[in-house]
Amino acid sequence: MTKMDEPGQAYFIVVADGAAAPTNAQVEEGADYGGVAVAAKCGQAAGEFDMPIAGDEYSCSVAGLMESTAYDVYVVTKAGGSLTTSTRPTLCSDGPSQRV
């Protein structure tokens, strides 16, 4: 879950644990980059991870992750046309779908 202090858009990608970090633009694009395969993504389709109300928490679900596998999740938010710094929490999948 994520929230912002102003309305905007969020994007995230899930990659293998320890994979090279993407740029903010690569997270926004949501495509494989530099030999790293994106395992799951959210926010790249219009309206998929909009955050229209400042201060509210929003989440997006992904499916297809392998059980008992560690992943890195990169989240980028965009408000007023600029991307913020991405974050890198580690996610351990306990099943085929996760909510971030």
N, C-alpha and C. Protein backbone atom coordinates (compact mmCIF):
# COMPACT_ATOMS: atom_id res chain seq x y z
N MET A 1 0.84 -1.16 0.00
CA MET A 1 0.00 0.00 0.00
C MET A 1 0.89 1.23 0.00
N THR A 2 0.40 2.25 -0.65
CA THR A 2 1.16 3.50 -0.71
C THR A 2 0.20 4.67 -0.65
N LYS A 3 0.71 5.81 -0.23
CA LYS A 3 -0.11 7.02 -0.24
C LYS A 3 0.80 8.20 -0.54
N MET A 4 0.19 9.29 -1.00
CA MET A 4 0.91 10.50 -1.37
C MET A 4 0.24 11.69 -0.72
N ASP A 5 0.98 12.79 -0.61
CA ASP A 5 0.40 13.99 -0.02
C ASP A 5 -0.26 14.89 -1.06
N GLU A 6 -0.33 14.41 -2.30
CA GLU A 6 -1.06 15.09 -3.36
C GLU A 6 -1.56 14.04 -4.35
N PRO A 7 -2.60 14.34 -5.13
CA PRO A 7 -3.09 13.36 -6.10
C PRO A 7 -2.01 13.01 -7.12
N GLY A 8 -2.04 11.78 -7.59
CA GLY A 8 -1.06 11.37 -8.59
C GLY A 8 -1.29 9.95 -9.07
N GLN A 9 -0.22 9.31 -9.47
CA GLN A 9 -0.22 7.97 -10.05
C GLN A 9 0.92 7.19 -9.43
N ALA A 10 0.73 5.90 -9.21
CA ALA A 10 1.81 5.04 -8.73
C ALA A 10 2.08 3.95 -9.75
N TYR A 11 3.31 3.50 -9.77
CA TYR A 11 3.75 2.42 -10.65
C TYR A 11 4.61 1.49 -9.81
N PHE A 12 4.52 0.20 -10.03
CA PHE A 12 5.50 -0.68 -9.40
C PHE A 12 5.81 -1.85 -10.29
N ILE A 13 7.01 -2.38 -10.07
CA ILE A 13 7.42 -3.61 -10.73
C ILE A 13 7.99 -4.55 -9.69
N VAL A 14 7.89 -5.84 -9.97
CA VAL A 14 8.43 -6.89 -9.12
C VAL A 14 9.48 -7.62 -9.94
N VAL A 15 10.68 -7.74 -9.38
CA VAL A 15 11.79 -8.43 -10.06
C VAL A 15 12.40 -9.44 -9.09
N ALA A 16 13.25 -10.30 -9.61
CA ALA A 16 13.93 -11.30 -8.78
C ALA A 16 14.74 -10.61 -7.69
N ASP A 17 14.78 -11.22 -6.52
CA ASP A 17 15.54 -10.70 -5.40
C ASP A 17 17.01 -10.51 -5.81
N GLY A 18 17.54 -9.32 -5.56
CA GLY A 18 18.94 -9.04 -5.86
C GLY A 18 19.21 -8.59 -7.28
N ALA A 19 18.18 -8.48 -8.12
CA ALA A 19 18.37 -8.04 -9.51
C ALA A 19 18.82 -6.58 -9.52
N ALA A 20 19.45 -6.17 -10.62
CA ALA A 20 19.88 -4.78 -10.76
C ALA A 20 18.69 -3.85 -10.62
N ALA A 21 18.92 -2.74 -9.96
CA ALA A 21 17.85 -1.76 -9.73
C ALA A 21 17.49 -1.03 -11.02
N PRO A 22 16.21 -0.79 -11.24
CA PRO A 22 15.78 -0.03 -12.41
C PRO A 22 15.85 1.47 -12.14
N THR A 23 15.79 2.24 -13.19
CA THR A 23 15.62 3.69 -13.05
C THR A 23 14.14 3.95 -12.79
N ASN A 24 13.82 5.14 -12.34
CA ASN A 24 12.41 5.50 -12.16
C ASN A 24 11.64 5.38 -13.46
N ALA A 25 12.25 5.80 -14.56
CA ALA A 25 11.59 5.71 -15.87
C ALA A 25 11.31 4.26 -16.24
N GLN A 26 12.22 3.35 -15.91
CA GLN A 26 12.00 1.93 -16.21
C GLN A 26 10.86 1.37 -15.38
N VAL A 27 10.71 1.82 -14.14
CA VAL A 27 9.57 1.38 -13.32
C VAL A 27 8.28 1.89 -13.96
N GLU A 28 8.27 3.14 -14.37
CA GLU A 28 7.08 3.70 -15.00
C GLU A 28 6.71 2.94 -16.28
N GLU A 29 7.71 2.57 -17.05
CA GLU A 29 7.47 1.84 -18.30
C GLU A 29 6.98 0.42 -18.03
N GLY A 30 7.56 -0.25 -17.03
CA GLY A 30 7.13 -1.60 -16.66
C GLY A 30 7.61 -2.72 -17.55
N ALA A 31 8.59 -2.46 -18.40
CA ALA A 31 9.11 -3.48 -19.31
C ALA A 31 10.42 -4.06 -18.76
N ASP A 32 10.80 -5.23 -19.27
CA ASP A 32 12.10 -5.80 -18.93
C ASP A 32 13.18 -4.77 -19.24
N TYR A 33 14.27 -4.78 -18.47
CA TYR A 33 15.34 -3.80 -18.66
C TYR A 33 16.70 -4.45 -18.39
N GLY A 34 17.69 -4.11 -19.17
CA GLY A 34 19.06 -4.54 -18.93
C GLY A 34 19.24 -5.99 -18.57
N GLY A 35 18.51 -6.88 -19.18
CA GLY A 35 18.62 -8.31 -18.88
C GLY A 35 17.80 -8.75 -17.68
N VAL A 36 17.07 -7.85 -17.04
CA VAL A 36 16.24 -8.18 -15.88
C VAL A 36 14.79 -8.37 -16.36
N ALA A 37 14.22 -9.51 -16.02
CA ALA A 37 12.83 -9.79 -16.39
C ALA A 37 11.90 -9.26 -15.30
N VAL A 38 10.88 -8.53 -15.69
CA VAL A 38 9.87 -8.04 -14.76
C VAL A 38 8.87 -9.18 -14.51
N ALA A 39 8.77 -9.61 -13.25
CA ALA A 39 7.89 -10.73 -12.90
C ALA A 39 6.43 -10.31 -12.79
N ALA A 40 6.20 -9.08 -12.39
CA ALA A 40 4.84 -8.56 -12.25
C ALA A 40 4.93 -7.04 -12.24
N LYS A 41 3.81 -6.38 -12.57
CA LYS A 41 3.80 -4.92 -12.59
C LYS A 41 2.39 -4.42 -12.37
N CYS A 42 2.31 -3.14 -12.02
CA CYS A 42 1.01 -2.51 -11.86
C CYS A 42 1.17 -1.00 -12.04
N GLY A 43 0.18 -0.39 -12.65
CA GLY A 43 0.16 1.06 -12.81
C GLY A 43 0.50 1.53 -14.20
N GLN A 44 1.00 0.65 -15.03
CA GLN A 44 1.41 1.08 -16.36
C GLN A 44 0.22 1.30 -17.29
N ALA A 45 -0.90 0.64 -17.05
CA ALA A 45 -2.11 0.87 -17.84
C ALA A 45 -2.86 2.08 -17.28
N ALA A 46 -3.41 2.88 -18.14
CA ALA A 46 -4.12 4.09 -17.72
C ALA A 46 -5.18 3.77 -16.67
N GLY A 47 -5.14 4.50 -15.56
CA GLY A 47 -6.13 4.34 -14.50
C GLY A 47 -5.92 3.16 -13.58
N GLU A 48 -4.91 2.34 -13.82
CA GLU A 48 -4.72 1.11 -13.06
C GLU A 48 -4.33 1.35 -11.60
N PHE A 49 -3.51 2.36 -11.33
CA PHE A 49 -3.05 2.63 -9.97
C PHE A 49 -3.10 4.13 -9.70
N ASP A 50 -4.22 4.75 -10.10
CA ASP A 50 -4.42 6.18 -9.85
C ASP A 50 -4.60 6.41 -8.35
N MET A 51 -4.14 7.56 -7.89
CA MET A 51 -4.27 7.95 -6.49
C MET A 51 -4.90 9.34 -6.46
N PRO A 52 -6.23 9.43 -6.68
CA PRO A 52 -6.88 10.72 -6.86
C PRO A 52 -7.06 11.56 -5.59
N ILE A 53 -6.98 10.94 -4.42
CA ILE A 53 -7.23 11.68 -3.18
C ILE A 53 -5.97 11.69 -2.32
N ALA A 54 -5.44 12.87 -2.07
CA ALA A 54 -4.23 13.02 -1.25
C ALA A 54 -4.44 12.43 0.14
N GLY A 55 -3.45 11.68 0.61
CA GLY A 55 -3.51 11.12 1.96
C GLY A 55 -4.19 9.78 2.07
N ASP A 56 -4.96 9.36 1.08
CA ASP A 56 -5.59 8.05 1.11
C ASP A 56 -4.57 6.98 0.74
N GLU A 57 -4.76 5.76 1.26
CA GLU A 57 -3.89 4.64 0.91
C GLU A 57 -4.48 3.88 -0.28
N TYR A 58 -3.61 3.48 -1.19
CA TYR A 58 -4.02 2.74 -2.38
C TYR A 58 -3.15 1.50 -2.52
N SER A 59 -3.72 0.48 -3.13
CA SER A 59 -2.96 -0.74 -3.37
C SER A 59 -3.31 -1.28 -4.75
N CYS A 60 -2.49 -2.19 -5.20
CA CYS A 60 -2.69 -2.83 -6.49
C CYS A 60 -2.26 -4.28 -6.35
N SER A 61 -3.02 -5.20 -6.89
CA SER A 61 -2.71 -6.62 -6.78
C SER A 61 -2.03 -7.14 -8.03
N VAL A 62 -1.14 -8.09 -7.82
CA VAL A 62 -0.49 -8.77 -8.95
C VAL A 62 -0.63 -10.27 -8.74
N ALA A 63 -0.54 -11.02 -9.81
CA ALA A 63 -0.63 -12.47 -9.76
C ALA A 63 0.53 -13.07 -10.53
N GLY A 64 0.73 -14.36 -10.37
CA GLY A 64 1.73 -15.07 -11.14
C GLY A 64 3.09 -15.17 -10.47
N LEU A 65 3.20 -14.75 -9.21
CA LEU A 65 4.48 -14.87 -8.52
C LEU A 65 4.65 -16.30 -8.01
N MET A 66 5.89 -16.75 -7.95
CA MET A 66 6.17 -18.11 -7.50
C MET A 66 6.18 -18.18 -5.97
N GLU A 67 5.53 -19.19 -5.45
CA GLU A 67 5.43 -19.39 -4.01
C GLU A 67 6.82 -19.59 -3.39
N SER A 68 7.00 -19.06 -2.18
CA SER A 68 8.25 -19.18 -1.40
C SER A 68 9.46 -18.64 -2.16
N THR A 69 9.26 -17.58 -2.91
CA THR A 69 10.32 -16.95 -3.68
C THR A 69 10.43 -15.49 -3.25
N ALA A 70 11.66 -15.03 -3.03
CA ALA A 70 11.87 -13.63 -2.63
C ALA A 70 11.95 -12.76 -3.88
N TYR A 71 11.35 -11.57 -3.79
CA TYR A 71 11.35 -10.61 -4.88
C TYR A 71 11.72 -9.24 -4.35
N ASP A 72 12.17 -8.37 -5.23
CA ASP A 72 12.33 -6.95 -4.92
C ASP A 72 11.21 -6.21 -5.61
N VAL A 73 10.63 -5.25 -4.90
CA VAL A 73 9.52 -4.45 -5.43
C VAL A 73 9.98 -3.00 -5.49
N TYR A 74 9.87 -2.41 -6.66
CA TYR A 74 10.24 -1.01 -6.85
C TYR A 74 8.97 -0.21 -7.10
N VAL A 75 8.77 0.84 -6.32
CA VAL A 75 7.58 1.67 -6.41
C VAL A 75 8.00 3.10 -6.75
N VAL A 76 7.30 3.68 -7.70
CA VAL A 76 7.54 5.07 -8.11
C VAL A 76 6.20 5.77 -8.12
N THR A 77 6.16 6.99 -7.61
CA THR A 77 4.94 7.78 -7.68
C THR A 77 5.19 9.00 -8.55
N LYS A 78 4.11 9.49 -9.13
CA LYS A 78 4.21 10.63 -10.04
C LYS A 78 3.10 11.62 -9.70
N ALA A 79 3.50 12.86 -9.48
CA ALA A 79 2.53 13.92 -9.23
C ALA A 79 3.08 15.19 -9.88
N GLY A 80 2.25 15.91 -10.54
CA GLY A 80 2.69 17.14 -11.19
C GLY A 80 3.73 16.91 -12.27
N GLY A 81 3.75 15.72 -12.87
CA GLY A 81 4.67 15.44 -13.97
C GLY A 81 6.04 14.95 -13.58
N SER A 82 6.37 14.88 -12.27
CA SER A 82 7.70 14.40 -11.90
C SER A 82 7.62 13.09 -11.12
N LEU A 83 8.59 12.21 -11.37
CA LEU A 83 8.66 10.92 -10.70
C LEU A 83 9.46 11.05 -9.42
N THR A 84 9.01 10.38 -8.37
CA THR A 84 9.75 10.38 -7.11
C THR A 84 10.73 9.21 -7.08
N THR A 85 11.58 9.19 -6.11
CA THR A 85 12.56 8.12 -5.96
C THR A 85 11.87 6.79 -5.74
N SER A 86 12.42 5.75 -6.33
CA SER A 86 11.85 4.42 -6.16
C SER A 86 12.32 3.83 -4.84
N THR A 87 11.55 2.89 -4.33
CA THR A 87 11.89 2.21 -3.10
C THR A 87 12.13 0.74 -3.39
N ARG A 88 12.76 0.05 -2.48
CA ARG A 88 13.09 -1.35 -2.73
C ARG A 88 12.80 -2.23 -1.52
N PRO A 89 11.55 -2.40 -1.16
CA PRO A 89 11.27 -3.39 -0.11
C PRO A 89 11.38 -4.79 -0.69
N THR A 90 11.64 -5.76 0.14
CA THR A 90 11.68 -7.15 -0.33
C THR A 90 10.35 -7.81 -0.04
N LEU A 91 9.86 -8.54 -0.98
CA LEU A 91 8.59 -9.25 -0.87
C LEU A 91 8.87 -10.73 -0.99
N CYS A 92 8.36 -11.51 -0.07
CA CYS A 92 8.46 -12.97 -0.18
C CYS A 92 7.07 -13.46 -0.50
N SER A 93 6.94 -14.08 -1.63
CA SER A 93 5.62 -14.53 -2.07
C SER A 93 5.19 -15.77 -1.29
N ASP A 94 4.02 -15.67 -0.68
CA ASP A 94 3.44 -16.82 0.02
C ASP A 94 2.40 -17.51 -0.85
N GLY A 95 2.24 -17.05 -2.04
CA GLY A 95 1.25 -17.64 -2.93
C GLY A 95 1.32 -16.99 -4.29
N PRO A 96 0.42 -17.33 -5.17
CA PRO A 96 0.47 -16.83 -6.54
C PRO A 96 0.04 -15.39 -6.72
N SER A 97 -0.53 -14.75 -5.70
CA SER A 97 -0.89 -13.34 -5.86
C SER A 97 -0.51 -12.57 -4.61
N GLN A 98 -0.17 -11.31 -4.81
CA GLN A 98 0.23 -10.43 -3.73
C GLN A 98 -0.39 -9.07 -3.95
N ARG A 99 -0.60 -8.34 -2.86
CA ARG A 99 -1.10 -6.98 -2.95
C ARG A 99 0.00 -6.05 -2.46
N VAL A 100 0.30 -5.03 -3.22
CA VAL A 100 1.33 -4.07 -2.85
C VAL A 100 0.71 -2.69 -2.79
